[in-house]
Amino acid sequence: MSPRPDVSEERKNQILEAALAVFARLGFHESRMDDIASQAGLSKAALYLYYKSKDAIIAALLKHFFVQEFKRVQGLFETNREETVSEQLLLLARQFAEALPWMTQAMPIAFEFYAIAGRNKEVRQFLKAYFQDYRALLTRLIQRGIEHGEFCEVSAEATAIMLAALFEGLALLFFVDPEAIRWADEAETSVRLLLFGLQRPSSS
């Protein structure tokens, strides 16, 4: 007899897609496990086999998004790309702008995820590791710009922290007042200002 296929990952993805649709429609606080089970086409008992609480679903949902985002950024910063470091950073800003439709839907869930991190050590450790990896990636990229003579001698790590904070800050401002923040323009303008400060002075 052949072994039964493992459908757990497929089922989890099914639940996460359903949860995102429910959270977007009803809001986080109004959504119930029953709503997610119904959206996923599962019984509530089946849902609890995979996720024990709404917090657990949110944690899994955001982990999925963070991992996918990191993979995308990682591919952008491959060392064999033809663009200059400045061009890669501007491309990153444009990709953030392109992610605006998803961010509009997911931002309330993302901030709820941060709230969960305040009371859940596992989620907090995941976020800490994610941002450490993200900053390390940016640090290596900026260091490459310094070594190639594209940027002046600065702390690559401090610059990476500032760049990460720039995008996180813009996301927060957009969430609070979307009509006041032109995300695409502001993201690219902010990166251009940073690049202006990083330019190596030309020798005369």
Protein backbone atom coordinates (compact mmCIF):
# COMPACT_ATOMS: atom_id res chain seq x y z
CA MET A 1 0.00 0.00 0.00
CA SER A 2 1.46 3.37 -1.00
CA PRO A 3 1.82 6.00 1.76
CA ARG A 4 -0.83 8.67 2.02
CA PRO A 5 0.36 12.04 0.63
CA ASP A 6 1.15 14.71 3.18
CA VAL A 7 -1.36 17.50 2.54
CA SER A 8 -0.59 19.48 5.70
CA GLU A 9 1.31 22.28 3.93
CA GLU A 10 -1.36 22.56 1.25
CA ARG A 11 -4.04 22.71 3.94
CA LYS A 12 -2.14 25.34 5.92
CA ASN A 13 -1.79 27.53 2.83
CA GLN A 14 -5.51 27.10 2.20
CA ILE A 15 -6.26 28.30 5.73
CA LEU A 16 -3.89 31.26 5.49
CA GLU A 17 -5.43 32.43 2.22
CA ALA A 18 -8.86 32.17 3.79
CA ALA A 19 -7.73 34.06 6.89
CA LEU A 20 -6.33 36.93 4.82
CA ALA A 21 -9.63 37.24 2.95
CA VAL A 22 -11.62 37.20 6.21
CA PHE A 23 -9.36 39.73 7.96
CA ALA A 24 -9.58 42.04 4.96
CA ARG A 25 -13.39 41.78 4.88
CA LEU A 26 -14.26 41.86 8.58
CA GLY A 27 -11.22 43.33 10.27
CA PHE A 28 -9.05 41.48 12.73
CA HIS A 29 -11.08 41.98 15.89
CA GLU A 30 -14.42 41.06 14.30
CA SER A 31 -13.09 37.93 12.61
CA ARG A 32 -13.75 34.58 14.29
CA MET A 33 -12.26 31.15 13.86
CA ASP A 34 -15.69 30.08 12.54
CA ASP A 35 -15.42 32.70 9.79
CA ILE A 36 -11.98 31.44 8.74
CA ALA A 37 -13.11 27.82 8.78
CA SER A 38 -16.13 28.67 6.63
CA GLN A 39 -14.01 30.67 4.16
CA ALA A 40 -11.54 27.78 3.91
CA GLY A 41 -14.33 25.22 3.44
CA LEU A 42 -13.31 23.33 6.57
CA SER A 43 -14.96 22.37 9.81
CA LYS A 44 -13.91 24.28 12.90
CA ALA A 45 -12.48 21.05 14.33
CA ALA A 46 -10.31 20.61 11.22
CA LEU A 47 -9.13 24.20 11.50
CA TYR A 48 -8.01 23.65 15.10
CA LEU A 49 -5.91 20.67 13.98
CA TYR A 50 -3.60 23.14 12.26
CA TYR A 51 -3.98 26.37 14.26
CA LYS A 52 -5.04 26.57 17.89
CA SER A 53 -6.00 30.26 17.90
CA LYS A 54 -6.47 33.37 15.80
CA ASP A 55 -3.12 34.64 17.11
CA ALA A 56 -1.47 31.48 15.77
CA ILE A 57 -2.99 32.08 12.33
CA ILE A 58 -1.82 35.70 12.27
CA ALA A 59 1.68 34.65 13.33
CA ALA A 60 1.84 32.04 10.55
CA LEU A 61 0.42 34.46 7.99
CA LEU A 62 2.94 37.18 8.72
CA LYS A 63 5.83 34.73 8.93
CA HIS A 64 4.90 33.59 5.45
CA PHE A 65 4.88 37.16 4.13
CA PHE A 66 8.15 38.10 5.85
CA VAL A 67 9.91 35.03 4.45
CA GLN A 68 8.64 35.70 0.93
CA GLU A 69 9.64 39.37 1.16
CA PHE A 70 13.15 38.46 2.33
CA LYS A 71 13.57 36.02 -0.56
CA ARG A 72 12.52 38.72 -3.02
CA VAL A 73 14.93 41.27 -1.60
CA GLN A 74 17.69 38.67 -1.44
CA GLY A 75 17.29 37.98 -5.14
CA LEU A 76 17.45 41.69 -5.89
CA PHE A 77 20.81 42.02 -4.15
CA GLU A 78 22.63 39.17 -5.84
CA THR A 79 26.29 40.04 -6.32
CA ASN A 80 26.34 39.25 -10.05
CA ARG A 81 23.68 41.78 -11.06
CA GLU A 82 24.68 44.41 -13.60
CA GLU A 83 23.15 47.41 -11.82
CA THR A 84 25.16 49.70 -9.58
CA VAL A 85 24.40 49.59 -5.86
CA SER A 86 22.57 52.91 -6.19
CA GLU A 87 20.39 51.48 -8.96
CA GLN A 88 19.63 48.42 -6.85
CA LEU A 89 18.52 50.56 -3.91
CA LEU A 90 16.26 52.62 -6.18
CA LEU A 91 14.85 49.39 -7.59
CA LEU A 92 14.13 48.29 -4.03
CA ALA A 93 12.17 51.52 -3.44
CA ARG A 94 10.16 50.92 -6.61
CA GLN A 95 9.40 47.35 -5.61
CA PHE A 96 8.11 48.59 -2.26
CA ALA A 97 5.85 50.97 -4.17
CA GLU A 98 4.58 48.11 -6.34
CA ALA A 99 3.71 46.21 -3.15
CA LEU A 100 1.30 48.98 -2.12
CA PRO A 101 -1.94 47.09 -2.96
CA TRP A 102 -0.86 44.17 -0.75
CA MET A 103 0.36 46.52 2.01
CA THR A 104 -3.00 48.28 2.09
CA GLN A 105 -4.65 44.93 2.80
CA ALA A 106 -2.01 43.45 5.09
CA MET A 107 -0.84 46.46 7.11
CA PRO A 108 -3.50 46.17 9.86
CA ILE A 109 -2.56 42.51 10.24
CA ALA A 110 1.13 43.41 10.32
CA PHE A 111 0.64 45.82 13.20
CA GLU A 112 -1.41 43.22 15.02
CA PHE A 113 1.54 40.90 14.50
CA TYR A 114 3.79 43.40 16.24
CA ALA A 115 1.29 43.53 19.11
CA ILE A 116 1.42 39.74 19.38
CA ALA A 117 5.22 39.96 19.48
CA GLY A 118 4.88 41.98 22.66
CA ARG A 119 3.36 39.02 24.48
CA ASN A 120 4.67 36.07 22.46
CA LYS A 121 8.37 35.29 22.78
CA GLU A 122 8.46 33.02 19.74
CA VAL A 123 6.98 35.69 17.47
CA ARG A 124 9.30 38.31 18.96
CA GLN A 125 12.34 36.13 18.30
CA PHE A 126 11.18 35.55 14.72
CA LEU A 127 10.86 39.29 14.12
CA LYS A 128 14.25 39.93 15.69
CA ALA A 129 15.92 37.33 13.46
CA TYR A 130 14.13 38.64 10.37
CA PHE A 131 15.26 42.22 10.87
CA GLN A 132 18.79 41.08 11.71
CA ASP A 133 18.97 39.18 8.42
CA TYR A 134 17.40 42.09 6.53
CA ARG A 135 19.87 44.60 7.98
CA ALA A 136 22.77 42.24 7.26
CA LEU A 137 21.67 42.04 3.63
CA LEU A 138 21.50 45.83 3.32
CA THR A 139 24.83 46.19 5.13
CA ARG A 140 26.58 43.89 2.65
CA LEU A 141 25.10 45.79 -0.27
CA ILE A 142 26.16 49.19 1.07
CA GLN A 143 29.61 47.85 1.92
CA ARG A 144 29.91 46.71 -1.69
CA GLY A 145 29.14 50.26 -2.80
CA ILE A 146 31.89 51.56 -0.52
CA GLU A 147 34.43 49.02 -1.74
CA HIS A 148 33.65 49.78 -5.39
CA GLY A 149 34.16 53.50 -4.81
CA GLU A 150 30.51 54.33 -5.38
CA PHE A 151 29.91 55.53 -1.80
CA CYS A 152 32.05 57.47 0.63
CA GLU A 153 33.49 55.86 3.75
CA VAL A 154 30.55 55.51 6.13
CA SER A 155 29.31 52.89 8.57
CA ALA A 156 27.58 50.39 6.31
CA GLU A 157 25.68 48.93 9.27
CA ALA A 158 24.39 52.31 10.49
CA THR A 159 23.33 53.20 6.94
CA ALA A 160 21.50 49.88 6.61
CA ILE A 161 19.63 50.55 9.86
CA MET A 162 18.64 53.99 8.61
CA LEU A 163 17.42 52.58 5.29
CA ALA A 164 15.35 49.88 6.99
CA ALA A 165 13.88 52.48 9.37
CA LEU A 166 13.05 54.70 6.40
CA PHE A 167 10.86 52.05 4.78
CA GLU A 168 9.28 50.99 8.07
CA GLY A 169 8.53 54.63 8.90
CA LEU A 170 6.95 55.32 5.52
CA ALA A 171 4.80 52.22 5.90
CA LEU A 172 3.59 53.43 9.30
CA LEU A 173 2.82 56.93 7.98
CA PHE A 174 0.96 55.46 5.03
CA PHE A 175 -1.08 53.26 7.35
CA VAL A 176 -2.04 56.22 9.57
CA ASP A 177 -2.72 58.74 6.79
CA PRO A 178 -2.72 57.12 3.31
CA GLU A 179 -4.02 60.25 1.59
CA ALA A 180 -1.06 62.33 2.79
CA ILE A 181 1.64 59.84 1.74
CA ARG A 182 2.34 59.28 -1.94
CA TRP A 183 4.14 56.03 -1.31
CA ALA A 184 5.80 55.58 -4.70
CA ASP A 185 7.11 59.17 -4.82
CA GLU A 186 8.13 59.36 -1.17
CA ALA A 187 10.00 56.03 -1.17
CA GLU A 188 12.10 56.87 -4.23
CA THR A 189 12.69 60.48 -3.16
CA SER A 190 13.87 59.34 0.28
CA VAL A 191 16.30 56.82 -1.21
CA ARG A 192 17.63 59.44 -3.64
CA LEU A 193 18.29 61.81 -0.73
CA LEU A 194 20.13 59.03 1.09
CA LEU A 195 22.19 58.23 -2.03
CA PHE A 196 23.06 61.92 -2.41
CA GLY A 197 24.56 61.85 1.09
CA LEU A 198 26.45 58.65 0.31
CA GLN A 199 28.10 59.90 -2.86
CA ARG A 200 31.88 59.97 -2.83
CA PRO A 201 33.06 63.57 -3.39
CA SER A 202 34.68 63.97 -6.79
CA SER A 203 38.33 64.95 -6.67
CA SER A 204 39.17 68.22 -8.41
